[in-house]
Amino acid sequence: MAGDTRYRIPAGLHRVEQEIQRSRFITTIAPSATVEEAKAFVARVRDELPDANHNCWAYVAGPPGSTALVGMSDDGEPHGTAGRPMLTALLHGGVGEVAVVVTRYFGGTLLGKGGLVRAYTGCVQQALESLPTTERVQKTRLAVELEYASIEGVRRLLPAYEAQVVSEEYAATVGYRLELPVTHVEAFRKALLDETNGQVLVEVVEPE
């Protein structure tokens, strides 16, 4: 899934809670487009729940399943029993740009290594199941130059390609800056050529 131009990301902060063998587990998920955002979110949860025994965390700061920008911590739990299973659950969760903290208040019953892995994996899976998400769409900008006669026809094309006008300039010809999903660029370019009988200049520009 890495490299997709459209994918699900958390719509906002989301928290679920459960008890496993008398230990209280609080799972908090947040959108995190960057490593810095993920680390700031972990710090916020730590500050909010400073009396917990453990604040274990993991993040995927990129598309779903992408391992380029990931991180994790067992935060005092036995090595490999918390951060790694949490990260694995995130990588298989179908959501990108996501960070999660599982806070544990120890209830007196030892879970053992296998029990901890199951608990931390289950916490993340449960939170992802009920997580409200929104769609991240990778967009690009086009500079389009055309004749005045083509304005109306070209404007009618925009909604079908989810293209939005960023700016417009009227001189000897008409210049538009348009923003649209990367996935639509080639089809839109072809539609423009058809609509204007080839009397159009189209080039990809970087957003300012």
N, C-alpha and C. Protein backbone atom coordinates (compact mmCIF):
# COMPACT_ATOMS: atom_id res chain seq x y z
N MET A 1 0.81 -1.22 0.00
CA MET A 1 0.00 0.00 0.00
C MET A 1 0.85 1.27 0.00
N ALA A 2 2.11 1.16 0.42
CA ALA A 2 2.96 2.34 0.45
C ALA A 2 3.01 2.97 -0.93
N GLY A 3 2.98 4.31 -0.98
CA GLY A 3 3.03 4.98 -2.27
C GLY A 3 1.65 5.31 -2.82
N ASP A 4 0.60 4.86 -2.17
CA ASP A 4 -0.74 5.22 -2.62
C ASP A 4 -0.92 6.73 -2.54
N THR A 5 -1.68 7.28 -3.47
CA THR A 5 -1.91 8.72 -3.44
C THR A 5 -3.16 9.08 -2.65
N ARG A 6 -3.93 8.07 -2.26
CA ARG A 6 -5.10 8.28 -1.41
C ARG A 6 -5.08 7.23 -0.32
N TYR A 7 -5.23 7.65 0.90
CA TYR A 7 -5.30 6.66 1.98
C TYR A 7 -5.97 7.26 3.20
N ARG A 8 -6.35 6.37 4.11
CA ARG A 8 -7.05 6.82 5.31
C ARG A 8 -6.06 7.29 6.36
N ILE A 9 -6.42 8.37 7.05
CA ILE A 9 -5.65 8.86 8.19
C ILE A 9 -6.64 9.14 9.33
N PRO A 10 -6.17 9.21 10.58
CA PRO A 10 -7.10 9.51 11.69
C PRO A 10 -7.74 10.88 11.49
N ALA A 11 -9.03 10.97 11.78
CA ALA A 11 -9.75 12.24 11.64
C ALA A 11 -9.45 13.17 12.81
N GLY A 12 -8.94 12.62 13.90
CA GLY A 12 -8.63 13.43 15.08
C GLY A 12 -8.21 12.51 16.21
N LEU A 13 -8.15 13.06 17.40
CA LEU A 13 -7.77 12.27 18.57
C LEU A 13 -8.86 11.25 18.90
N HIS A 14 -8.46 10.04 19.25
CA HIS A 14 -9.40 8.96 19.53
C HIS A 14 -8.87 8.14 20.70
N ARG A 15 -9.76 7.82 21.65
CA ARG A 15 -9.29 7.08 22.84
C ARG A 15 -10.26 5.96 23.20
N VAL A 16 -9.72 4.81 23.50
CA VAL A 16 -10.52 3.69 24.01
C VAL A 16 -9.84 3.12 25.25
N GLU A 17 -10.64 2.45 26.06
CA GLU A 17 -10.10 1.93 27.33
C GLU A 17 -10.60 0.51 27.54
N GLN A 18 -9.77 -0.33 28.12
CA GLN A 18 -10.22 -1.68 28.48
C GLN A 18 -9.41 -2.19 29.66
N GLU A 19 -9.98 -3.20 30.31
CA GLU A 19 -9.27 -3.82 31.44
C GLU A 19 -8.89 -5.24 31.05
N ILE A 20 -7.64 -5.59 31.27
CA ILE A 20 -7.16 -6.95 30.98
C ILE A 20 -6.49 -7.47 32.25
N GLN A 21 -7.08 -8.48 32.83
CA GLN A 21 -6.57 -9.08 34.08
C GLN A 21 -6.21 -8.00 35.11
N ARG A 22 -7.18 -7.15 35.37
CA ARG A 22 -7.09 -6.10 36.39
C ARG A 22 -6.16 -4.93 36.04
N SER A 23 -5.40 -5.05 34.94
CA SER A 23 -4.62 -3.89 34.48
C SER A 23 -5.52 -3.03 33.59
N ARG A 24 -5.38 -1.70 33.75
CA ARG A 24 -6.18 -0.78 32.94
C ARG A 24 -5.33 -0.30 31.76
N PHE A 25 -5.85 -0.48 30.57
CA PHE A 25 -5.15 -0.06 29.36
C PHE A 25 -5.94 1.05 28.68
N ILE A 26 -5.29 2.18 28.44
CA ILE A 26 -5.91 3.31 27.75
C ILE A 26 -5.15 3.52 26.44
N THR A 27 -5.86 3.41 25.33
CA THR A 27 -5.21 3.56 24.02
C THR A 27 -5.64 4.88 23.40
N THR A 28 -4.65 5.71 23.07
CA THR A 28 -4.91 7.01 22.45
C THR A 28 -4.25 7.06 21.09
N ILE A 29 -5.03 7.42 20.07
CA ILE A 29 -4.52 7.51 18.69
C ILE A 29 -4.67 8.94 18.21
N ALA A 30 -3.69 9.40 17.43
CA ALA A 30 -3.75 10.77 16.88
C ALA A 30 -3.16 10.79 15.48
N PRO A 31 -3.61 11.76 14.64
CA PRO A 31 -2.97 11.93 13.34
C PRO A 31 -1.55 12.47 13.52
N SER A 32 -0.61 11.92 12.80
CA SER A 32 0.79 12.36 12.89
C SER A 32 1.43 12.27 11.52
N ALA A 33 1.49 13.40 10.83
CA ALA A 33 2.03 13.41 9.47
C ALA A 33 3.55 13.39 9.47
N THR A 34 4.15 13.78 10.61
CA THR A 34 5.61 13.83 10.69
C THR A 34 6.08 13.17 11.98
N VAL A 35 7.37 12.84 12.01
CA VAL A 35 7.98 12.26 13.21
C VAL A 35 7.86 13.24 14.39
N GLU A 36 8.04 14.53 14.09
CA GLU A 36 7.95 15.56 15.15
C GLU A 36 6.55 15.58 15.77
N GLU A 37 5.52 15.50 14.92
CA GLU A 37 4.14 15.48 15.42
C GLU A 37 3.91 14.26 16.30
N ALA A 38 4.43 13.11 15.85
CA ALA A 38 4.24 11.87 16.62
C ALA A 38 4.89 11.99 17.99
N LYS A 39 6.10 12.51 18.03
CA LYS A 39 6.83 12.63 19.31
C LYS A 39 6.16 13.64 20.24
N ALA A 40 5.64 14.72 19.65
CA ALA A 40 4.94 15.74 20.46
C ALA A 40 3.67 15.14 21.07
N PHE A 41 2.99 14.32 20.30
CA PHE A 41 1.76 13.66 20.78
C PHE A 41 2.08 12.71 21.93
N VAL A 42 3.14 11.92 21.80
CA VAL A 42 3.56 11.00 22.86
C VAL A 42 3.84 11.79 24.14
N ALA A 43 4.55 12.91 24.00
CA ALA A 43 4.88 13.75 25.16
C ALA A 43 3.61 14.30 25.82
N ARG A 44 2.61 14.67 24.99
CA ARG A 44 1.34 15.20 25.54
C ARG A 44 0.63 14.15 26.38
N VAL A 45 0.57 12.90 25.87
CA VAL A 45 -0.12 11.84 26.61
C VAL A 45 0.63 11.55 27.91
N ARG A 46 1.96 11.53 27.84
CA ARG A 46 2.78 11.32 29.05
C ARG A 46 2.48 12.39 30.11
N ASP A 47 2.37 13.64 29.65
CA ASP A 47 2.09 14.74 30.57
C ASP A 47 0.69 14.62 31.17
N GLU A 48 -0.24 14.09 30.36
CA GLU A 48 -1.63 13.97 30.80
C GLU A 48 -1.81 12.82 31.78
N LEU A 49 -1.04 11.73 31.59
CA LEU A 49 -1.18 10.53 32.43
C LEU A 49 0.17 10.17 33.06
N PRO A 50 0.74 11.08 33.87
CA PRO A 50 2.10 10.88 34.37
C PRO A 50 2.21 9.78 35.44
N ASP A 51 1.07 9.41 36.03
CA ASP A 51 1.11 8.42 37.11
C ASP A 51 0.97 6.98 36.61
N ALA A 52 0.91 6.80 35.28
CA ALA A 52 0.77 5.44 34.72
C ALA A 52 2.07 4.66 34.90
N ASN A 53 1.96 3.33 34.92
CA ASN A 53 3.16 2.50 35.01
C ASN A 53 3.94 2.53 33.69
N HIS A 54 3.22 2.55 32.58
CA HIS A 54 3.87 2.55 31.27
C HIS A 54 3.06 3.39 30.28
N ASN A 55 3.78 4.16 29.44
CA ASN A 55 3.17 4.82 28.28
C ASN A 55 3.94 4.32 27.05
N CYS A 56 3.53 3.16 26.54
CA CYS A 56 4.22 2.56 25.38
C CYS A 56 3.67 3.20 24.11
N TRP A 57 4.52 3.32 23.09
CA TRP A 57 4.05 4.03 21.90
C TRP A 57 4.63 3.47 20.61
N ALA A 58 3.97 3.83 19.50
CA ALA A 58 4.44 3.49 18.16
C ALA A 58 3.83 4.49 17.18
N TYR A 59 4.52 4.70 16.07
CA TYR A 59 3.95 5.59 15.06
C TYR A 59 4.40 5.18 13.66
N VAL A 60 3.56 5.54 12.68
CA VAL A 60 3.86 5.39 11.25
C VAL A 60 3.59 6.76 10.63
N ALA A 61 4.65 7.54 10.39
CA ALA A 61 4.47 8.90 9.87
C ALA A 61 4.57 8.89 8.35
N GLY A 62 3.64 8.19 7.71
CA GLY A 62 3.65 8.08 6.25
C GLY A 62 2.44 7.28 5.81
N PRO A 63 2.41 6.84 4.56
CA PRO A 63 1.27 6.05 4.07
C PRO A 63 1.13 4.73 4.83
N PRO A 64 -0.04 4.09 4.78
CA PRO A 64 -0.26 2.82 5.47
C PRO A 64 0.77 1.77 5.04
N GLY A 65 1.34 1.09 6.01
CA GLY A 65 2.28 0.02 5.71
C GLY A 65 3.69 0.47 5.37
N SER A 66 3.91 1.79 5.29
CA SER A 66 5.23 2.32 4.95
C SER A 66 6.13 2.30 6.18
N THR A 67 7.32 1.71 6.05
CA THR A 67 8.23 1.61 7.20
C THR A 67 9.34 2.65 7.17
N ALA A 68 9.21 3.66 6.28
CA ALA A 68 10.28 4.66 6.14
C ALA A 68 10.42 5.53 7.39
N LEU A 69 9.27 5.92 8.00
CA LEU A 69 9.30 6.82 9.16
C LEU A 69 8.48 6.19 10.28
N VAL A 70 9.09 5.26 10.99
CA VAL A 70 8.39 4.59 12.08
C VAL A 70 9.20 4.70 13.37
N GLY A 71 8.52 4.50 14.49
CA GLY A 71 9.20 4.51 15.78
C GLY A 71 8.38 3.73 16.77
N MET A 72 9.01 3.31 17.88
CA MET A 72 8.28 2.54 18.90
C MET A 72 9.07 2.55 20.20
N SER A 73 8.36 2.28 21.30
CA SER A 73 9.02 2.17 22.60
C SER A 73 8.22 1.24 23.51
N ASP A 74 8.96 0.38 24.25
CA ASP A 74 8.33 -0.50 25.24
C ASP A 74 8.10 0.23 26.57
N ASP A 75 8.73 1.40 26.73
CA ASP A 75 8.60 2.20 27.94
C ASP A 75 8.60 1.37 29.23
N GLY A 76 9.61 0.55 29.38
CA GLY A 76 9.76 -0.18 30.64
C GLY A 76 9.14 -1.57 30.68
N GLU A 77 8.28 -1.90 29.71
CA GLU A 77 7.77 -3.27 29.62
C GLU A 77 8.92 -4.15 29.10
N PRO A 78 8.86 -5.49 29.34
CA PRO A 78 9.93 -6.35 28.84
C PRO A 78 10.15 -6.16 27.33
N HIS A 79 11.41 -6.16 26.92
CA HIS A 79 11.79 -5.87 25.54
C HIS A 79 10.98 -6.68 24.53
N GLY A 80 10.39 -5.94 23.54
CA GLY A 80 9.67 -6.61 22.47
C GLY A 80 8.23 -6.98 22.77
N THR A 81 7.74 -6.62 23.98
CA THR A 81 6.37 -7.03 24.33
C THR A 81 5.32 -5.95 24.08
N ALA A 82 5.76 -4.72 23.78
CA ALA A 82 4.79 -3.62 23.64
C ALA A 82 4.99 -2.84 22.34
N GLY A 83 6.09 -2.11 22.22
CA GLY A 83 6.32 -1.25 21.06
C GLY A 83 6.26 -1.98 19.73
N ARG A 84 6.98 -3.11 19.65
CA ARG A 84 7.02 -3.86 18.39
C ARG A 84 5.64 -4.40 17.99
N PRO A 85 4.90 -5.09 18.92
CA PRO A 85 3.56 -5.54 18.55
C PRO A 85 2.62 -4.39 18.19
N MET A 86 2.77 -3.26 18.87
CA MET A 86 1.92 -2.09 18.55
C MET A 86 2.22 -1.59 17.14
N LEU A 87 3.52 -1.49 16.81
CA LEU A 87 3.91 -1.03 15.47
C LEU A 87 3.40 -1.99 14.40
N THR A 88 3.52 -3.29 14.66
CA THR A 88 3.04 -4.30 13.71
C THR A 88 1.54 -4.14 13.47
N ALA A 89 0.78 -3.91 14.55
CA ALA A 89 -0.67 -3.71 14.42
C ALA A 89 -0.97 -2.45 13.59
N LEU A 90 -0.18 -1.39 13.79
CA LEU A 90 -0.38 -0.16 13.01
C LEU A 90 -0.09 -0.40 11.53
N LEU A 91 1.03 -1.10 11.26
CA LEU A 91 1.44 -1.33 9.87
C LEU A 91 0.42 -2.17 9.10
N HIS A 92 -0.34 -3.00 9.83
CA HIS A 92 -1.34 -3.83 9.18
C HIS A 92 -2.76 -3.25 9.32
N GLY A 93 -2.85 -2.02 9.87
CA GLY A 93 -4.16 -1.46 10.18
C GLY A 93 -4.83 -0.70 9.05
N GLY A 94 -4.10 -0.45 7.94
CA GLY A 94 -4.71 0.23 6.80
C GLY A 94 -4.88 1.74 6.98
N VAL A 95 -4.22 2.31 8.00
CA VAL A 95 -4.32 3.75 8.27
C VAL A 95 -2.91 4.33 8.24
N GLY A 96 -2.75 5.49 7.63
CA GLY A 96 -1.44 6.14 7.57
C GLY A 96 -1.37 7.36 8.47
N GLU A 97 -0.15 7.91 8.59
CA GLU A 97 0.08 9.14 9.38
C GLU A 97 -0.57 9.02 10.76
N VAL A 98 -0.16 7.99 11.49
CA VAL A 98 -0.85 7.66 12.73
C VAL A 98 0.16 7.39 13.85
N ALA A 99 -0.17 7.85 15.04
CA ALA A 99 0.63 7.56 16.23
C ALA A 99 -0.30 7.03 17.31
N VAL A 100 0.21 6.11 18.13
CA VAL A 100 -0.62 5.53 19.19
C VAL A 100 0.20 5.41 20.48
N VAL A 101 -0.45 5.70 21.59
CA VAL A 101 0.13 5.47 22.91
C VAL A 101 -0.81 4.54 23.67
N VAL A 102 -0.26 3.45 24.19
CA VAL A 102 -1.05 2.59 25.07
C VAL A 102 -0.52 2.79 26.49
N THR A 103 -1.38 3.34 27.32
CA THR A 103 -1.05 3.64 28.72
C THR A 103 -1.52 2.49 29.59
N ARG A 104 -0.63 2.00 30.46
CA ARG A 104 -1.01 0.88 31.32
C ARG A 104 -0.90 1.25 32.79
N TYR A 105 -2.00 1.01 33.50
CA TYR A 105 -1.98 1.09 34.96
C TYR A 105 -1.98 -0.35 35.47
N PHE A 106 -0.90 -0.77 36.08
CA PHE A 106 -0.72 -2.17 36.50
C PHE A 106 -1.72 -2.56 37.58
N GLY A 107 -2.36 -3.72 37.38
CA GLY A 107 -3.41 -4.13 38.32
C GLY A 107 -3.00 -5.24 39.26
N GLY A 108 -1.72 -5.60 39.26
CA GLY A 108 -1.25 -6.59 40.23
C GLY A 108 -1.08 -7.99 39.66
N THR A 109 -1.62 -8.26 38.46
CA THR A 109 -1.48 -9.59 37.87
C THR A 109 -0.48 -9.52 36.72
N LEU A 110 0.58 -10.33 36.80
CA LEU A 110 1.57 -10.37 35.73
C LEU A 110 0.97 -11.09 34.51
N LEU A 111 1.15 -10.52 33.35
CA LEU A 111 0.57 -11.11 32.14
C LEU A 111 1.52 -12.07 31.42
N GLY A 112 2.82 -11.97 31.74
CA GLY A 112 3.79 -12.79 31.02
C GLY A 112 4.04 -12.19 29.65
N LYS A 113 5.14 -12.61 29.01
CA LYS A 113 5.51 -12.00 27.71
C LYS A 113 4.43 -12.18 26.66
N GLY A 114 3.94 -13.40 26.51
CA GLY A 114 2.90 -13.66 25.50
C GLY A 114 1.63 -12.87 25.78
N GLY A 115 1.27 -12.78 27.06
CA GLY A 115 0.08 -12.03 27.46
C GLY A 115 0.21 -10.55 27.16
N LEU A 116 1.43 -10.01 27.38
CA LEU A 116 1.67 -8.59 27.09
C LEU A 116 1.57 -8.31 25.59
N VAL A 117 2.19 -9.19 24.79
CA VAL A 117 2.13 -9.01 23.32
C VAL A 117 0.68 -9.00 22.86
N ARG A 118 -0.11 -9.96 23.38
CA ARG A 118 -1.53 -10.03 22.99
C ARG A 118 -2.29 -8.79 23.45
N ALA A 119 -1.99 -8.34 24.66
CA ALA A 119 -2.69 -7.17 25.21
C ALA A 119 -2.41 -5.91 24.39
N TYR A 120 -1.13 -5.64 24.15
CA TYR A 120 -0.78 -4.41 23.42
C TYR A 120 -1.22 -4.46 21.96
N THR A 121 -1.12 -5.64 21.34
CA THR A 121 -1.62 -5.79 19.96
C THR A 121 -3.12 -5.55 19.93
N GLY A 122 -3.83 -6.18 20.86
CA GLY A 122 -5.29 -6.08 20.92
C GLY A 122 -5.77 -4.67 21.17
N CYS A 123 -5.05 -3.93 22.02
CA CYS A 123 -5.42 -2.54 22.32
C CYS A 123 -5.39 -1.69 21.05
N VAL A 124 -4.32 -1.83 20.27
CA VAL A 124 -4.19 -1.04 19.05
C VAL A 124 -5.25 -1.46 18.02
N GLN A 125 -5.45 -2.77 17.87
CA GLN A 125 -6.46 -3.25 16.91
C GLN A 125 -7.85 -2.77 17.27
N GLN A 126 -8.17 -2.83 18.58
CA GLN A 126 -9.49 -2.38 19.03
C GLN A 126 -9.68 -0.89 18.75
N ALA A 127 -8.64 -0.09 19.01
CA ALA A 127 -8.74 1.36 18.79
C ALA A 127 -8.88 1.67 17.30
N LEU A 128 -8.15 0.93 16.45
CA LEU A 128 -8.24 1.17 15.00
C LEU A 128 -9.62 0.83 14.46
N GLU A 129 -10.24 -0.20 15.03
CA GLU A 129 -11.57 -0.62 14.56
C GLU A 129 -12.62 0.48 14.72
N SER A 130 -12.50 1.25 15.81
CA SER A 130 -13.50 2.29 16.05
C SER A 130 -12.99 3.69 15.69
N LEU A 131 -11.81 3.76 15.07
CA LEU A 131 -11.18 5.05 14.76
C LEU A 131 -11.90 5.80 13.64
N PRO A 132 -12.36 7.03 13.89
CA PRO A 132 -12.92 7.83 12.78
C PRO A 132 -11.75 8.26 11.87
N THR A 133 -11.91 8.07 10.56
CA THR A 133 -10.83 8.43 9.65
C THR A 133 -11.32 9.40 8.59
N THR A 134 -10.35 10.03 7.94
CA THR A 134 -10.63 10.90 6.80
C THR A 134 -9.65 10.48 5.71
N GLU A 135 -9.84 11.02 4.51
CA GLU A 135 -8.98 10.60 3.40
C GLU A 135 -7.87 11.62 3.14
N ARG A 136 -6.66 11.13 3.05
CA ARG A 136 -5.54 11.98 2.62
C ARG A 136 -5.39 11.80 1.10
N VAL A 137 -5.47 12.89 0.37
CA VAL A 137 -5.34 12.82 -1.08
C VAL A 137 -4.10 13.60 -1.47
N GLN A 138 -3.17 12.93 -2.14
CA GLN A 138 -1.96 13.62 -2.58
C GLN A 138 -2.31 14.48 -3.79
N LYS A 139 -2.01 15.78 -3.70
CA LYS A 139 -2.41 16.69 -4.78
C LYS A 139 -1.19 17.30 -5.45
N THR A 140 -1.44 17.84 -6.63
CA THR A 140 -0.39 18.56 -7.34
C THR A 140 -0.99 19.81 -7.94
N ARG A 141 -0.12 20.72 -8.40
CA ARG A 141 -0.61 21.95 -9.02
C ARG A 141 -0.23 22.01 -10.48
N LEU A 142 -1.14 22.54 -11.28
CA LEU A 142 -0.89 22.71 -12.70
C LEU A 142 -1.01 24.18 -13.07
N ALA A 143 -0.12 24.61 -13.96
CA ALA A 143 -0.29 25.93 -14.59
C ALA A 143 -0.91 25.67 -15.96
N VAL A 144 -2.05 26.29 -16.21
CA VAL A 144 -2.77 26.07 -17.47
C VAL A 144 -2.95 27.42 -18.16
N GLU A 145 -2.58 27.43 -19.44
CA GLU A 145 -2.75 28.68 -20.21
C GLU A 145 -3.63 28.37 -21.41
N LEU A 146 -4.68 29.18 -21.61
CA LEU A 146 -5.60 28.88 -22.71
C LEU A 146 -6.21 30.15 -23.29
N GLU A 147 -6.93 29.98 -24.39
CA GLU A 147 -7.59 31.11 -25.06
C GLU A 147 -8.91 31.43 -24.34
N TYR A 148 -9.33 32.68 -24.47
CA TYR A 148 -10.58 33.11 -23.83
C TYR A 148 -11.78 32.27 -24.26
N ALA A 149 -11.79 31.84 -25.52
CA ALA A 149 -12.92 31.07 -26.04
C ALA A 149 -13.11 29.73 -25.33
N SER A 150 -12.05 29.27 -24.68
CA SER A 150 -12.12 27.94 -24.05
C SER A 150 -12.51 27.97 -22.57
N ILE A 151 -12.62 29.18 -22.00
CA ILE A 151 -12.83 29.31 -20.55
C ILE A 151 -14.02 28.49 -20.06
N GLU A 152 -15.15 28.69 -20.70
CA GLU A 152 -16.37 28.05 -20.19
C GLU A 152 -16.27 26.52 -20.22
N GLY A 153 -15.82 25.99 -21.34
CA GLY A 153 -15.69 24.54 -21.48
C GLY A 153 -14.73 23.96 -20.48
N VAL A 154 -13.60 24.64 -20.26
CA VAL A 154 -12.59 24.15 -19.32
C VAL A 154 -13.13 24.20 -17.89
N ARG A 155 -13.83 25.27 -17.56
CA ARG A 155 -14.39 25.37 -16.20
C ARG A 155 -15.39 24.25 -15.92
N ARG A 156 -16.13 23.85 -16.96
CA ARG A 156 -17.10 22.76 -16.79
C ARG A 156 -16.39 21.43 -16.50
N LEU A 157 -15.14 21.30 -16.95
CA LEU A 157 -14.39 20.05 -16.74
C LEU A 157 -13.93 19.87 -15.28
N LEU A 158 -13.72 21.00 -14.60
CA LEU A 158 -13.03 20.95 -13.30
C LEU A 158 -13.63 19.99 -12.27
N PRO A 159 -14.96 20.02 -12.02
CA PRO A 159 -15.50 19.16 -10.96
C PRO A 159 -15.23 17.67 -11.18
N ALA A 160 -15.28 17.21 -12.42
CA ALA A 160 -15.10 15.78 -12.70
C ALA A 160 -13.71 15.30 -12.31
N TYR A 161 -12.74 16.23 -12.29
CA TYR A 161 -11.36 15.85 -11.97
C TYR A 161 -10.94 16.37 -10.59
N GLU A 162 -11.94 16.81 -9.80
CA GLU A 162 -11.69 17.36 -8.45
C GLU A 162 -10.64 18.48 -8.49
N ALA A 163 -10.66 19.26 -9.58
CA ALA A 163 -9.69 20.34 -9.75
C ALA A 163 -10.25 21.64 -9.19
N GLN A 164 -9.41 22.36 -8.46
CA GLN A 164 -9.83 23.64 -7.89
C GLN A 164 -8.93 24.76 -8.39
N VAL A 165 -9.53 25.92 -8.62
CA VAL A 165 -8.76 27.07 -9.09
C VAL A 165 -8.07 27.72 -7.89
N VAL A 166 -6.75 27.81 -7.95
CA VAL A 166 -5.97 28.45 -6.87
C VAL A 166 -5.82 29.94 -7.17
N SER A 167 -5.53 30.24 -8.46
CA SER A 167 -5.43 31.64 -8.87
C SER A 167 -5.71 31.74 -10.37
N GLU A 168 -6.03 32.95 -10.83
CA GLU A 168 -6.30 33.14 -12.25
C GLU A 168 -5.75 34.49 -12.70
N GLU A 169 -5.37 34.54 -13.95
CA GLU A 169 -4.75 35.76 -14.48
C GLU A 169 -5.26 35.98 -15.90
N TYR A 170 -5.73 37.19 -16.17
CA TYR A 170 -6.28 37.48 -17.49
C TYR A 170 -5.39 38.48 -18.19
N ALA A 171 -4.76 38.05 -19.29
CA ALA A 171 -3.92 38.94 -20.11
C ALA A 171 -4.27 38.64 -21.57
N ALA A 172 -3.25 38.48 -22.41
CA ALA A 172 -3.53 38.13 -23.82
C ALA A 172 -4.20 36.76 -23.87
N THR A 173 -3.79 35.89 -22.93
CA THR A 173 -4.44 34.59 -22.75
C THR A 173 -4.88 34.49 -21.29
N VAL A 174 -5.54 33.40 -20.96
CA VAL A 174 -5.99 33.20 -19.57
C VAL A 174 -5.07 32.19 -18.90
N GLY A 175 -4.59 32.53 -17.71
CA GLY A 175 -3.72 31.62 -16.97
C GLY A 175 -4.41 31.17 -15.69
N TYR A 176 -4.44 29.87 -15.48
CA TYR A 176 -4.99 29.33 -14.23
C TYR A 176 -3.92 28.56 -13.47
N ARG A 177 -3.96 28.66 -12.15
CA ARG A 177 -3.24 27.71 -11.31
C ARG A 177 -4.31 26.80 -10.73
N LEU A 178 -4.18 25.51 -10.97
CA LEU A 178 -5.18 24.55 -10.51
C LEU A 178 -4.54 23.54 -9.57
N GLU A 179 -5.33 23.08 -8.61
CA GLU A 179 -4.85 22.02 -7.72
C GLU A 179 -5.79 20.83 -7.88
N LEU A 180 -5.22 19.63 -8.05
CA LEU A 180 -6.05 18.44 -8.21
C LEU A 180 -5.30 17.20 -7.76
N PRO A 181 -6.03 16.11 -7.47
CA PRO A 181 -5.36 14.87 -7.06
C PRO A 181 -4.38 14.38 -8.13
N VAL A 182 -3.23 13.93 -7.69
CA VAL A 182 -2.19 13.43 -8.59
C VAL A 182 -2.75 12.39 -9.56
N THR A 183 -3.65 11.54 -9.05
CA THR A 183 -4.19 10.44 -9.86
C THR A 183 -4.99 10.93 -11.07
N HIS A 184 -5.45 12.20 -11.05
CA HIS A 184 -6.29 12.69 -12.15
C HIS A 184 -5.51 13.47 -13.21
N VAL A 185 -4.23 13.73 -12.96
CA VAL A 185 -3.50 14.69 -13.81
C VAL A 185 -3.49 14.28 -15.29
N GLU A 186 -3.15 13.03 -15.57
CA GLU A 186 -3.03 12.62 -16.99
C GLU A 186 -4.37 12.68 -17.72
N ALA A 187 -5.42 12.19 -17.06
CA ALA A 187 -6.75 12.21 -17.69
C ALA A 187 -7.22 13.65 -17.89
N PHE A 188 -6.92 14.50 -16.93
CA PHE A 188 -7.32 15.91 -17.02
C PHE A 188 -6.59 16.60 -18.16
N ARG A 189 -5.30 16.31 -18.28
CA ARG A 189 -4.49 16.89 -19.36
C ARG A 189 -5.10 16.53 -20.74
N LYS A 190 -5.49 15.26 -20.87
CA LYS A 190 -6.08 14.77 -22.12
C LYS A 190 -7.43 15.48 -22.38
N ALA A 191 -8.22 15.63 -21.32
CA ALA A 191 -9.53 16.29 -21.46
C ALA A 191 -9.35 17.75 -21.88
N LEU A 192 -8.32 18.41 -21.32
CA LEU A 192 -8.04 19.80 -21.70
C LEU A 192 -7.69 19.91 -23.18
N LEU A 193 -6.83 19.00 -23.63
CA LEU A 193 -6.42 19.02 -25.05
C LEU A 193 -7.63 18.82 -25.96
N ASP A 194 -8.51 17.88 -25.56
CA ASP A 194 -9.72 17.63 -26.36
C ASP A 194 -10.63 18.86 -26.38
N GLU A 195 -10.84 19.44 -25.21
CA GLU A 195 -11.77 20.56 -25.06
C GLU A 195 -11.30 21.80 -25.83
N THR A 196 -9.98 22.00 -25.89
CA THR A 196 -9.44 23.23 -26.51
C THR A 196 -8.86 22.98 -27.90
N ASN A 197 -9.08 21.78 -28.43
CA ASN A 197 -8.48 21.41 -29.72
C ASN A 197 -6.96 21.61 -29.72
N GLY A 198 -6.37 21.28 -28.59
CA GLY A 198 -4.90 21.36 -28.49
C GLY A 198 -4.37 22.75 -28.21
N GLN A 199 -5.25 23.74 -28.12
CA GLN A 199 -4.80 25.12 -27.88
C GLN A 199 -4.67 25.40 -26.37
N VAL A 200 -3.76 24.70 -25.72
CA VAL A 200 -3.61 24.86 -24.28
C VAL A 200 -2.18 24.47 -23.87
N LEU A 201 -1.67 25.16 -22.89
CA LEU A 201 -0.37 24.80 -22.31
C LEU A 201 -0.61 24.32 -20.88
N VAL A 202 -0.07 23.15 -20.58
CA VAL A 202 -0.26 22.59 -19.25
C VAL A 202 1.10 22.20 -18.68
N GLU A 203 1.42 22.68 -17.48
CA GLU A 203 2.66 22.21 -16.86
C GLU A 203 2.47 22.06 -15.36
N VAL A 204 3.15 21.05 -14.82
CA VAL A 204 3.07 20.78 -13.39
C VAL A 204 3.97 21.78 -12.68
N VAL A 205 3.44 22.42 -11.63
CA VAL A 205 4.25 23.38 -10.84
C VAL A 205 4.21 22.95 -9.39
N GLU A 206 5.27 23.27 -8.68
CA GLU A 206 5.31 22.95 -7.24
C GLU A 206 4.45 23.96 -6.49
N PRO A 207 3.70 23.49 -5.48
CA PRO A 207 2.97 24.47 -4.65
C PRO A 207 3.95 25.43 -3.99
N GLU A 208 3.54 26.71 -3.89
CA GLU A 208 4.43 27.70 -3.24
C GLU A 208 4.60 27.33 -1.78
